[in-house]
Amino acid sequence: MSVSSGLPQGFNPHEYDAVVAGASFAGVVCARRLAEALGYRVAVLERRESVVGNPGDYLGVAGVSDVHGLLGVRTPRVVSFFARFASNLDTSLDAPQVISVDQCAELFEAVLDHDLIDVCCSVDERELISFDDTHVLLNGEVYGGEVVYTGALDALFGTDLGPLPYPAPTPPVPSESGTLYPDCGIIDPASRDRFEAYLDCIEGVTNFHPAGRLAEYRNYDMDAAVESALELSDELIACHS
């Protein structure tokens, strides 16, 4: 993995097989899997100064006193994926496990630590990405690789159809199954309609893939966001294998 602040001199997105916009949980998972499973050269563009992104479910977990800044992982596949990179996860446990926000930088760096992944921080992907009717454009030229986009979809279009509110994840609801973390869909029907209108703008663009709770406009917790990213990367890997 190489990491740069800003785009390196001579950066050409068309030299990459895939571009991932946003070093979120969804972004780093997709980047790693495309590099690992397909041998893709992947560019990760992150608007912030580091790859930590904006993690945090802000949910309470039984037995943990600090209820803020905890990332809950419960799905077996999600735990299994991150157990390769986070030593505190135990794949044998049949219970939710947590990763503190303080551990996220180390975790993200470990997931992105692959020879085929280049990370460019302090880069606003909105300055690079545009569309025609059937193509995603990078730097104004048709891009033939895959683009995974994890940011807010309305921001990518300059909120031309109106802004979308992005609520924080909702508190957990106790259940008989013991599930602590909700996977809530879009709460407001009017906002959903507006989001669907943004999706219509990219309907014919087959190589552009919204991923994660901002881009999919779902009130995911982090476990659900990663599960969605694993499913998307499954589809891309199957398509190109």
Protein backbone atom coordinates (compact mmCIF):
# COMPACT_ATOMS: atom_id res chain seq x y z
CA MET A 1 0.00 0.00 0.00
CA SER A 2 1.19 3.47 -0.85
CA VAL A 3 -0.37 6.51 0.85
CA SER A 4 -0.16 10.07 -0.44
CA SER A 5 -1.59 13.40 0.61
CA GLY A 6 -3.38 14.67 -2.45
CA LEU A 7 -3.05 13.12 -5.86
CA PRO A 8 0.52 12.13 -6.66
CA GLN A 9 2.18 13.80 -9.61
CA GLY A 10 1.17 12.13 -12.82
CA PHE A 11 -1.82 10.38 -11.22
CA ASN A 12 -3.91 8.69 -13.91
CA PRO A 13 -7.10 6.96 -12.71
CA HIS A 14 -7.24 5.02 -15.96
CA GLU A 15 -4.18 3.05 -14.89
CA TYR A 16 -6.32 1.44 -12.17
CA ASP A 17 -8.80 -1.41 -12.54
CA ALA A 18 -11.01 0.05 -9.83
CA VAL A 19 -11.41 3.34 -8.01
CA VAL A 20 -12.94 3.43 -4.53
CA ALA A 21 -14.22 6.82 -3.43
CA GLY A 22 -14.08 6.98 0.35
CA ALA A 23 -12.02 5.01 2.89
CA SER A 24 -15.13 4.03 4.83
CA PHE A 25 -15.78 0.56 6.18
CA ALA A 26 -17.53 -0.25 2.89
CA GLY A 27 -14.71 1.31 0.88
CA VAL A 28 -11.80 -0.46 2.53
CA VAL A 29 -13.59 -3.82 2.38
CA CYS A 30 -14.30 -3.49 -1.34
CA ALA A 31 -10.78 -2.27 -2.08
CA ARG A 32 -9.16 -5.18 -0.27
CA ARG A 33 -11.38 -7.82 -1.81
CA LEU A 34 -10.98 -6.54 -5.38
CA ALA A 35 -7.20 -6.42 -4.99
CA GLU A 36 -7.02 -9.78 -3.30
CA ALA A 37 -9.54 -11.82 -5.29
CA LEU A 38 -9.14 -10.30 -8.74
CA GLY A 39 -5.60 -8.95 -8.67
CA TYR A 40 -7.02 -5.50 -9.40
CA ARG A 41 -4.95 -2.39 -8.96
CA VAL A 42 -7.14 -0.16 -6.81
CA ALA A 43 -7.01 3.56 -6.07
CA VAL A 44 -8.72 4.66 -2.85
CA LEU A 45 -9.61 8.36 -2.74
CA GLU A 46 -10.34 9.76 0.72
CA ARG A 47 -11.53 13.32 1.32
CA ARG A 48 -10.19 13.39 4.87
CA GLU A 49 -6.54 13.58 5.86
CA SER A 50 -6.45 9.96 6.97
CA VAL A 51 -8.09 6.63 6.22
CA VAL A 52 -10.07 6.46 9.45
CA GLY A 53 -13.19 7.75 7.72
CA ASN A 54 -16.21 8.42 9.93
CA PRO A 55 -16.74 5.26 11.97
CA GLY A 56 -18.93 4.76 14.97
CA ASP A 57 -22.33 3.31 15.71
CA TYR A 58 -22.71 5.26 18.95
CA LEU A 59 -24.54 2.33 20.46
CA GLY A 60 -24.34 0.75 23.86
CA VAL A 61 -23.13 -2.80 24.41
CA ALA A 62 -23.85 -4.82 27.52
CA GLY A 63 -20.86 -4.77 29.84
CA VAL A 64 -19.21 -1.77 28.17
CA SER A 65 -19.40 1.47 30.10
CA ASP A 66 -18.50 3.90 27.29
CA VAL A 67 -21.44 3.71 24.91
CA HIS A 68 -19.96 6.07 22.34
CA GLY A 69 -17.54 5.28 19.56
CA LEU A 70 -18.05 1.52 19.46
CA LEU A 71 -18.35 -0.49 16.30
CA GLY A 72 -20.49 -3.56 16.74
CA VAL A 73 -19.75 -6.63 14.63
CA ARG A 74 -22.05 -9.61 14.94
CA THR A 75 -22.51 -11.25 11.52
CA PRO A 76 -20.23 -14.30 11.30
CA ARG A 77 -18.87 -13.30 7.89
CA VAL A 78 -18.09 -9.76 9.06
CA VAL A 79 -16.33 -11.04 12.17
CA SER A 80 -14.39 -13.55 10.07
CA PHE A 81 -13.26 -10.87 7.62
CA PHE A 82 -12.04 -8.44 10.26
CA ALA A 83 -10.51 -11.14 12.46
CA ARG A 84 -7.73 -11.32 9.86
CA PHE A 85 -6.79 -7.74 10.70
CA ALA A 86 -7.99 -7.15 14.30
CA SER A 87 -6.50 -9.45 16.92
CA ASN A 88 -9.27 -8.77 19.46
CA LEU A 89 -11.99 -10.47 17.40
CA ASP A 90 -12.82 -14.09 18.10
CA THR A 91 -14.52 -16.06 15.32
CA SER A 92 -15.63 -18.72 17.81
CA LEU A 93 -17.86 -16.34 19.79
CA ASP A 94 -21.57 -16.36 19.05
CA ALA A 95 -22.14 -12.84 20.33
CA PRO A 96 -21.66 -9.24 19.17
CA GLN A 97 -18.10 -7.94 19.47
CA VAL A 98 -16.81 -4.38 19.49
CA ILE A 99 -13.97 -2.41 17.99
CA SER A 100 -13.31 1.00 19.51
CA VAL A 101 -13.00 4.04 17.28
CA ASP A 102 -9.46 4.43 18.62
CA GLN A 103 -8.56 1.12 16.98
CA CYS A 104 -10.03 2.05 13.60
CA ALA A 105 -6.96 3.72 12.12
CA GLU A 106 -4.87 0.63 12.73
CA LEU A 107 -7.65 -1.62 11.43
CA PHE A 108 -8.23 0.39 8.26
CA GLU A 109 -4.51 0.55 7.53
CA ALA A 110 -4.24 -3.22 7.98
CA VAL A 111 -7.14 -3.89 5.60
CA LEU A 112 -5.66 -1.55 2.98
CA ASP A 113 -2.14 -2.94 3.38
CA HIS A 114 -1.88 -4.60 -0.02
CA ASP A 115 0.66 -4.08 -2.80
CA LEU A 116 -2.09 -3.36 -5.34
CA ILE A 117 -3.83 -0.65 -3.31
CA ASP A 118 -2.84 3.03 -3.47
CA VAL A 119 -4.48 5.47 -1.05
CA CYS A 120 -4.78 9.19 -1.81
CA CYS A 121 -5.96 11.26 1.16
CA SER A 122 -7.19 14.87 1.09
CA VAL A 123 -8.76 14.24 -2.32
CA ASP A 124 -12.32 15.30 -3.08
CA GLU A 125 -13.64 12.65 -5.45
CA ARG A 126 -16.42 14.99 -6.55
CA GLU A 127 -13.83 16.94 -8.52
CA LEU A 128 -12.95 13.81 -10.51
CA ILE A 129 -16.26 11.97 -11.01
CA SER A 130 -18.92 12.92 -13.55
CA PHE A 131 -21.33 11.08 -15.82
CA ASP A 132 -22.80 10.90 -19.27
CA ASP A 133 -25.89 8.85 -20.04
CA THR A 134 -24.17 5.45 -19.79
CA HIS A 135 -20.67 6.03 -18.47
CA VAL A 136 -18.88 7.23 -15.38
CA LEU A 137 -16.17 9.74 -16.26
CA LEU A 138 -12.95 10.31 -14.35
CA ASN A 139 -11.15 13.53 -15.13
CA GLY A 140 -13.63 14.00 -17.95
CA GLU A 141 -12.79 10.74 -19.71
CA VAL A 142 -14.83 7.54 -19.90
CA TYR A 143 -13.58 5.12 -17.26
CA GLY A 144 -13.66 1.42 -18.06
CA GLY A 145 -13.00 0.03 -14.58
CA GLU A 146 -15.26 -0.29 -11.56
CA VAL A 147 -16.08 2.68 -9.33
CA VAL A 148 -17.23 2.05 -5.77
CA TYR A 149 -18.65 5.23 -4.25
CA THR A 150 -19.24 5.50 -0.51
CA GLY A 151 -20.09 9.18 -0.11
CA ALA A 152 -23.39 11.02 -0.10
CA LEU A 153 -25.06 10.63 -3.47
CA ASP A 154 -26.75 14.02 -3.35
CA ALA A 155 -23.38 15.71 -2.81
CA LEU A 156 -22.00 14.05 -5.93
CA PHE A 157 -24.71 15.81 -7.93
CA GLY A 158 -24.38 19.13 -6.12
CA THR A 159 -27.73 18.52 -4.39
CA ASP A 160 -29.39 19.48 -7.71
CA LEU A 161 -32.51 17.53 -6.74
CA GLY A 162 -32.46 18.79 -3.19
CA PRO A 163 -30.46 17.73 -0.12
CA LEU A 164 -30.92 14.42 1.62
CA PRO A 165 -30.94 14.34 5.44
CA TYR A 166 -28.56 11.73 6.83
CA PRO A 167 -29.75 10.71 10.31
CA ALA A 168 -27.43 9.07 12.79
CA PRO A 169 -27.96 5.36 13.50
CA THR A 170 -30.86 4.75 15.83
CA PRO A 171 -30.47 3.22 19.31
CA PRO A 172 -30.63 -0.55 19.64
CA VAL A 173 -33.93 -2.23 20.33
CA PRO A 174 -33.97 -5.29 22.62
CA SER A 175 -35.38 -8.42 21.03
CA GLU A 176 -35.86 -12.06 21.89
CA SER A 177 -32.97 -12.96 19.57
CA GLY A 178 -30.66 -10.65 21.50
CA THR A 179 -29.87 -8.44 18.51
CA LEU A 180 -28.35 -5.19 19.74
CA TYR A 181 -27.97 -3.26 16.50
CA PRO A 182 -30.75 -2.21 14.13
CA ASP A 183 -30.56 -2.28 10.35
CA CYS A 184 -32.99 0.48 9.57
CA GLY A 185 -34.02 1.52 6.10
CA ILE A 186 -34.77 5.03 4.97
CA ILE A 187 -36.99 6.60 7.59
CA ASP A 188 -38.70 9.41 5.72
CA PRO A 189 -40.72 8.42 2.60
CA ALA A 190 -40.23 11.81 0.94
CA SER A 191 -36.48 11.53 1.38
CA ARG A 192 -36.59 8.04 -0.06
CA ASP A 193 -38.33 9.35 -3.17
CA ARG A 194 -35.65 12.00 -3.55
CA PHE A 195 -32.92 9.40 -3.15
CA GLU A 196 -34.57 7.23 -5.80
CA ALA A 197 -34.49 10.25 -8.12
CA TYR A 198 -30.73 10.49 -7.60
CA LEU A 199 -30.43 6.79 -8.37
CA ASP A 200 -32.30 7.40 -11.63
CA CYS A 201 -29.45 9.71 -12.65
CA ILE A 202 -27.04 6.76 -12.68
CA GLU A 203 -29.47 4.04 -13.76
CA GLY A 204 -27.66 3.31 -17.03
CA VAL A 205 -24.15 3.48 -15.58
CA THR A 206 -23.24 -0.16 -15.02
CA ASN A 207 -19.78 0.32 -13.51
CA PHE A 208 -20.75 2.79 -10.75
CA HIS A 209 -21.66 1.20 -7.43
CA PRO A 210 -22.98 3.08 -4.35
CA ALA A 211 -21.83 1.31 -1.18
CA GLY A 212 -22.29 1.97 2.53
CA ARG A 213 -24.82 3.85 4.56
CA LEU A 214 -24.29 7.27 2.93
CA ALA A 215 -24.27 6.13 -0.69
CA GLU A 216 -27.05 3.57 -0.22
CA TYR A 217 -28.95 6.02 1.97
CA ARG A 218 -29.69 3.45 4.62
CA ASN A 219 -29.43 3.82 8.35
CA TYR A 220 -26.96 0.95 8.58
CA ASP A 221 -24.91 0.14 11.61
CA MET A 222 -21.33 -0.72 10.74
CA ASP A 223 -21.91 -4.45 10.74
CA ALA A 224 -24.68 -4.10 8.15
CA ALA A 225 -22.60 -1.66 6.08
CA VAL A 226 -19.75 -4.17 5.91
CA GLU A 227 -22.12 -7.02 5.08
CA SER A 228 -23.49 -4.95 2.19
CA ALA A 229 -19.94 -4.24 0.98
CA LEU A 230 -19.07 -7.93 1.11
CA GLU A 231 -22.13 -8.72 -0.99
CA LEU A 232 -21.27 -6.01 -3.54
CA SER A 233 -17.70 -7.24 -3.81
CA ASP A 234 -19.04 -10.79 -4.24
CA GLU A 235 -21.01 -9.59 -7.27
CA LEU A 236 -18.04 -7.77 -8.77
CA ILE A 237 -15.71 -10.71 -8.21
CA ALA A 238 -18.21 -13.11 -9.79
CA CYS A 239 -18.66 -10.77 -12.76
CA HIS A 240 -14.91 -10.51 -13.47
CA SER A 241 -13.67 -13.95 -12.45
